[in-house]
Amino acid sequence: MAKKLKIYFICGAGLGSSLACQMVTEDVLNRLGLEEDLEHEAISSSPGLRTDIIVSAENFKTQFEKYELDSAIKMVYLHNIVDEKEIEAKLVPVIKELSN
């Protein structure tokens, strides 16, 4: 059995939008039979994160570029963080790539 990937959902305060995105992603992954380890956090915490994937809104991209993040972390930027189709289209291929 493959190890669960750690996926962090990041927004400004680590409360509203990251949690909403995490909940929608959970629905998408459950539907697809994928079980991963999901967490949400504020962007200020991202430099210290030990994770496989970070999911965030596109408008945070420039902020992430200012941080020294582990180069192994895969970044997934979403235009609409609660769009199931976009989450499935952008995140699921990354999960499948890392799970192999």
N, C-alpha and C. Protein backbone atom coordinates (compact mmCIF):
# COMPACT_ATOMS: atom_id res chain seq x y z
N MET A 1 0.83 -1.19 0.00
CA MET A 1 0.00 0.00 0.00
C MET A 1 0.87 1.25 0.00
N ALA A 2 0.58 2.16 -0.91
CA ALA A 2 1.38 3.38 -1.04
C ALA A 2 1.16 4.28 0.18
N LYS A 3 2.21 5.02 0.52
CA LYS A 3 2.05 5.95 1.64
C LYS A 3 1.16 7.11 1.20
N LYS A 4 0.44 7.66 2.18
CA LYS A 4 -0.41 8.80 1.87
C LYS A 4 0.46 10.02 1.62
N LEU A 5 0.08 10.78 0.62
CA LEU A 5 0.76 12.04 0.36
C LEU A 5 0.25 13.09 1.33
N LYS A 6 1.12 13.97 1.73
CA LYS A 6 0.75 15.09 2.59
C LYS A 6 0.45 16.27 1.68
N ILE A 7 -0.77 16.80 1.79
CA ILE A 7 -1.19 17.93 0.96
C ILE A 7 -1.64 19.07 1.87
N TYR A 8 -1.00 20.21 1.72
CA TYR A 8 -1.38 21.40 2.49
C TYR A 8 -2.13 22.37 1.60
N PHE A 9 -3.22 22.91 2.15
CA PHE A 9 -4.01 23.94 1.48
C PHE A 9 -3.67 25.25 2.17
N ILE A 10 -3.19 26.22 1.40
CA ILE A 10 -2.66 27.45 1.98
C ILE A 10 -3.47 28.66 1.54
N CYS A 11 -3.82 29.51 2.51
CA CYS A 11 -4.43 30.81 2.20
C CYS A 11 -3.81 31.84 3.13
N GLY A 12 -4.30 33.07 3.05
CA GLY A 12 -3.71 34.15 3.83
C GLY A 12 -3.66 33.88 5.32
N ALA A 13 -4.80 33.52 5.90
CA ALA A 13 -4.87 33.31 7.35
C ALA A 13 -4.90 31.85 7.76
N GLY A 14 -5.02 30.95 6.79
CA GLY A 14 -5.06 29.53 7.11
C GLY A 14 -6.40 29.09 7.66
N LEU A 15 -7.44 29.86 7.42
CA LEU A 15 -8.76 29.55 7.97
C LEU A 15 -9.80 29.34 6.88
N GLY A 16 -10.30 30.43 6.30
CA GLY A 16 -11.45 30.35 5.40
C GLY A 16 -11.25 29.60 4.11
N SER A 17 -10.55 30.23 3.18
CA SER A 17 -10.49 29.65 1.84
C SER A 17 -9.69 28.35 1.79
N SER A 18 -8.65 28.23 2.61
CA SER A 18 -7.88 26.98 2.58
C SER A 18 -8.72 25.81 3.10
N LEU A 19 -9.53 26.06 4.11
CA LEU A 19 -10.40 25.00 4.63
C LEU A 19 -11.49 24.65 3.61
N ALA A 20 -12.06 25.66 2.96
CA ALA A 20 -13.07 25.41 1.93
C ALA A 20 -12.48 24.56 0.80
N CYS A 21 -11.29 24.91 0.36
CA CYS A 21 -10.61 24.18 -0.71
C CYS A 21 -10.32 22.74 -0.27
N GLN A 22 -9.87 22.58 0.98
CA GLN A 22 -9.58 21.25 1.53
C GLN A 22 -10.84 20.39 1.52
N MET A 23 -11.98 20.98 1.91
CA MET A 23 -13.22 20.21 1.98
C MET A 23 -13.70 19.78 0.59
N VAL A 24 -13.60 20.68 -0.38
CA VAL A 24 -14.00 20.33 -1.75
C VAL A 24 -13.05 19.26 -2.30
N THR A 25 -11.75 19.41 -2.03
CA THR A 25 -10.77 18.43 -2.50
C THR A 25 -11.05 17.06 -1.88
N GLU A 26 -11.41 17.05 -0.61
CA GLU A 26 -11.74 15.79 0.06
C GLU A 26 -12.87 15.06 -0.68
N ASP A 27 -13.90 15.83 -1.08
CA ASP A 27 -15.00 15.24 -1.84
C ASP A 27 -14.51 14.66 -3.17
N VAL A 28 -13.66 15.41 -3.87
CA VAL A 28 -13.12 14.95 -5.16
C VAL A 28 -12.32 13.66 -4.97
N LEU A 29 -11.42 13.66 -3.98
CA LEU A 29 -10.56 12.50 -3.76
C LEU A 29 -11.36 11.28 -3.32
N ASN A 30 -12.35 11.49 -2.45
CA ASN A 30 -13.21 10.39 -2.01
C ASN A 30 -13.92 9.76 -3.20
N ARG A 31 -14.43 10.61 -4.09
CA ARG A 31 -15.13 10.13 -5.28
C ARG A 31 -14.21 9.29 -6.15
N LEU A 32 -12.93 9.66 -6.18
CA LEU A 32 -11.95 8.96 -7.02
C LEU A 32 -11.25 7.82 -6.28
N GLY A 33 -11.61 7.62 -5.01
CA GLY A 33 -10.99 6.55 -4.23
C GLY A 33 -9.56 6.84 -3.82
N LEU A 34 -9.19 8.11 -3.73
CA LEU A 34 -7.84 8.49 -3.32
C LEU A 34 -7.88 8.95 -1.86
N GLU A 35 -6.97 8.40 -1.06
CA GLU A 35 -6.91 8.80 0.35
C GLU A 35 -5.56 9.43 0.63
N GLU A 36 -5.57 10.73 0.88
CA GLU A 36 -4.32 11.44 1.18
C GLU A 36 -4.48 12.16 2.51
N ASP A 37 -3.38 12.67 3.02
CA ASP A 37 -3.35 13.37 4.30
C ASP A 37 -3.50 14.87 4.04
N LEU A 38 -4.66 15.44 4.36
CA LEU A 38 -4.96 16.83 4.03
C LEU A 38 -4.91 17.73 5.27
N GLU A 39 -4.26 18.89 5.11
CA GLU A 39 -4.15 19.88 6.18
C GLU A 39 -4.32 21.26 5.57
N HIS A 40 -4.65 22.26 6.40
CA HIS A 40 -4.67 23.64 5.92
C HIS A 40 -3.87 24.52 6.87
N GLU A 41 -3.32 25.61 6.30
CA GLU A 41 -2.39 26.42 7.07
C GLU A 41 -2.31 27.82 6.46
N ALA A 42 -1.79 28.77 7.24
CA ALA A 42 -1.57 30.13 6.74
C ALA A 42 -0.31 30.18 5.88
N ILE A 43 -0.29 31.11 4.94
CA ILE A 43 0.87 31.21 4.03
C ILE A 43 2.16 31.50 4.81
N SER A 44 2.07 32.21 5.92
CA SER A 44 3.28 32.53 6.69
C SER A 44 3.95 31.28 7.25
N SER A 45 3.21 30.18 7.36
CA SER A 45 3.77 28.92 7.87
C SER A 45 4.41 28.06 6.79
N SER A 46 4.21 28.42 5.54
CA SER A 46 4.65 27.54 4.46
C SER A 46 6.16 27.28 4.38
N PRO A 47 7.04 28.24 4.75
CA PRO A 47 8.47 27.92 4.65
C PRO A 47 8.91 26.72 5.49
N GLY A 48 8.24 26.43 6.59
CA GLY A 48 8.65 25.32 7.43
C GLY A 48 7.91 24.02 7.17
N LEU A 49 7.03 24.00 6.19
CA LEU A 49 6.20 22.82 5.99
C LEU A 49 6.99 21.64 5.43
N ARG A 50 6.67 20.47 5.95
CA ARG A 50 7.16 19.21 5.41
C ARG A 50 5.96 18.59 4.71
N THR A 51 5.92 18.72 3.41
CA THR A 51 4.74 18.27 2.67
C THR A 51 5.13 17.83 1.27
N ASP A 52 4.23 17.12 0.61
CA ASP A 52 4.47 16.69 -0.77
C ASP A 52 3.92 17.70 -1.77
N ILE A 53 2.74 18.26 -1.42
CA ILE A 53 2.04 19.15 -2.34
C ILE A 53 1.48 20.35 -1.56
N ILE A 54 1.56 21.53 -2.15
CA ILE A 54 0.89 22.71 -1.62
C ILE A 54 -0.13 23.14 -2.67
N VAL A 55 -1.37 23.34 -2.21
CA VAL A 55 -2.45 23.83 -3.07
C VAL A 55 -2.83 25.22 -2.57
N SER A 56 -2.90 26.17 -3.50
CA SER A 56 -3.25 27.53 -3.11
C SER A 56 -3.90 28.25 -4.28
N ALA A 57 -4.46 29.41 -3.99
CA ALA A 57 -5.04 30.24 -5.04
C ALA A 57 -3.93 30.91 -5.85
N GLU A 58 -4.21 31.14 -7.12
CA GLU A 58 -3.21 31.75 -8.02
C GLU A 58 -2.70 33.09 -7.49
N ASN A 59 -3.55 33.84 -6.78
CA ASN A 59 -3.13 35.17 -6.32
C ASN A 59 -2.05 35.11 -5.24
N PHE A 60 -1.75 33.93 -4.71
CA PHE A 60 -0.67 33.80 -3.72
C PHE A 60 0.67 33.42 -4.35
N LYS A 61 0.66 33.19 -5.66
CA LYS A 61 1.88 32.69 -6.33
C LYS A 61 3.09 33.60 -6.09
N THR A 62 2.92 34.91 -6.20
CA THR A 62 4.06 35.81 -6.01
C THR A 62 4.58 35.77 -4.57
N GLN A 63 3.67 35.56 -3.62
CA GLN A 63 4.12 35.45 -2.22
C GLN A 63 4.96 34.19 -2.02
N PHE A 64 4.52 33.07 -2.61
CA PHE A 64 5.29 31.83 -2.47
C PHE A 64 6.68 31.97 -3.08
N GLU A 65 6.79 32.75 -4.15
CA GLU A 65 8.09 32.91 -4.82
C GLU A 65 9.10 33.62 -3.93
N LYS A 66 8.64 34.32 -2.90
CA LYS A 66 9.54 35.01 -1.97
C LYS A 66 10.11 34.07 -0.91
N TYR A 67 9.49 32.90 -0.77
CA TYR A 67 9.92 31.95 0.26
C TYR A 67 10.92 30.93 -0.30
N GLU A 68 11.77 30.45 0.60
CA GLU A 68 12.67 29.35 0.25
C GLU A 68 11.97 28.06 0.61
N LEU A 69 11.23 27.49 -0.33
CA LEU A 69 10.52 26.23 -0.06
C LEU A 69 11.35 25.07 -0.58
N ASP A 70 11.15 23.93 0.01
CA ASP A 70 11.79 22.70 -0.44
C ASP A 70 11.44 22.50 -1.92
N SER A 71 12.45 22.34 -2.76
CA SER A 71 12.20 22.22 -4.20
C SER A 71 11.44 20.94 -4.56
N ALA A 72 11.37 19.99 -3.65
CA ALA A 72 10.63 18.75 -3.91
C ALA A 72 9.12 18.95 -3.78
N ILE A 73 8.70 20.03 -3.14
CA ILE A 73 7.26 20.28 -2.95
C ILE A 73 6.65 20.69 -4.29
N LYS A 74 5.60 20.00 -4.66
CA LYS A 74 4.87 20.33 -5.89
C LYS A 74 3.84 21.42 -5.56
N MET A 75 3.81 22.45 -6.38
CA MET A 75 2.87 23.54 -6.18
C MET A 75 1.70 23.39 -7.16
N VAL A 76 0.49 23.53 -6.64
CA VAL A 76 -0.71 23.51 -7.48
C VAL A 76 -1.47 24.80 -7.21
N TYR A 77 -1.59 25.64 -8.24
CA TYR A 77 -2.30 26.91 -8.11
C TYR A 77 -3.66 26.81 -8.78
N LEU A 78 -4.69 27.25 -8.08
CA LEU A 78 -6.05 27.18 -8.58
C LEU A 78 -6.60 28.57 -8.87
N HIS A 79 -7.32 28.69 -9.96
CA HIS A 79 -8.02 29.94 -10.28
C HIS A 79 -9.25 30.06 -9.39
N ASN A 80 -9.99 28.95 -9.26
CA ASN A 80 -11.18 28.91 -8.40
C ASN A 80 -10.98 27.77 -7.41
N ILE A 81 -10.70 28.10 -6.15
CA ILE A 81 -10.31 27.09 -5.16
C ILE A 81 -11.41 26.13 -4.74
N VAL A 82 -12.66 26.41 -5.15
CA VAL A 82 -13.74 25.49 -4.79
C VAL A 82 -14.39 24.86 -6.03
N ASP A 83 -13.67 24.86 -7.14
CA ASP A 83 -14.16 24.28 -8.38
C ASP A 83 -13.67 22.83 -8.46
N GLU A 84 -14.61 21.89 -8.30
CA GLU A 84 -14.24 20.46 -8.31
C GLU A 84 -13.53 20.06 -9.60
N LYS A 85 -13.99 20.57 -10.73
CA LYS A 85 -13.38 20.20 -12.02
C LYS A 85 -11.93 20.68 -12.10
N GLU A 86 -11.70 21.91 -11.65
CA GLU A 86 -10.33 22.45 -11.69
C GLU A 86 -9.42 21.69 -10.72
N ILE A 87 -9.94 21.40 -9.54
CA ILE A 87 -9.15 20.64 -8.56
C ILE A 87 -8.78 19.27 -9.14
N GLU A 88 -9.77 18.62 -9.73
CA GLU A 88 -9.51 17.30 -10.32
C GLU A 88 -8.50 17.39 -11.46
N ALA A 89 -8.64 18.42 -12.30
CA ALA A 89 -7.77 18.57 -13.47
C ALA A 89 -6.33 18.91 -13.09
N LYS A 90 -6.14 19.70 -12.04
CA LYS A 90 -4.79 20.16 -11.70
C LYS A 90 -4.12 19.35 -10.60
N LEU A 91 -4.88 18.90 -9.61
CA LEU A 91 -4.28 18.23 -8.46
C LEU A 91 -4.12 16.72 -8.67
N VAL A 92 -5.15 16.07 -9.21
CA VAL A 92 -5.12 14.62 -9.33
C VAL A 92 -3.93 14.10 -10.16
N PRO A 93 -3.57 14.74 -11.29
CA PRO A 93 -2.38 14.27 -12.01
C PRO A 93 -1.10 14.34 -11.18
N VAL A 94 -0.99 15.37 -10.33
CA VAL A 94 0.19 15.51 -9.47
C VAL A 94 0.20 14.38 -8.42
N ILE A 95 -0.96 14.08 -7.85
CA ILE A 95 -1.06 12.98 -6.89
C ILE A 95 -0.65 11.67 -7.55
N LYS A 96 -1.15 11.44 -8.75
CA LYS A 96 -0.83 10.19 -9.46
C LYS A 96 0.66 10.11 -9.79
N GLU A 97 1.24 11.24 -10.20
CA GLU A 97 2.67 11.29 -10.52
C GLU A 97 3.51 10.95 -9.27
N LEU A 98 3.17 11.54 -8.14
CA LEU A 98 3.95 11.31 -6.92
C LEU A 98 3.69 9.94 -6.30
N SER A 99 2.56 9.34 -6.62
CA SER A 99 2.21 8.04 -6.05
C SER A 99 2.92 6.88 -6.76
N ASN A 100 3.48 7.15 -7.94
CA ASN A 100 4.15 6.09 -8.71
C ASN A 100 5.55 5.80 -8.23
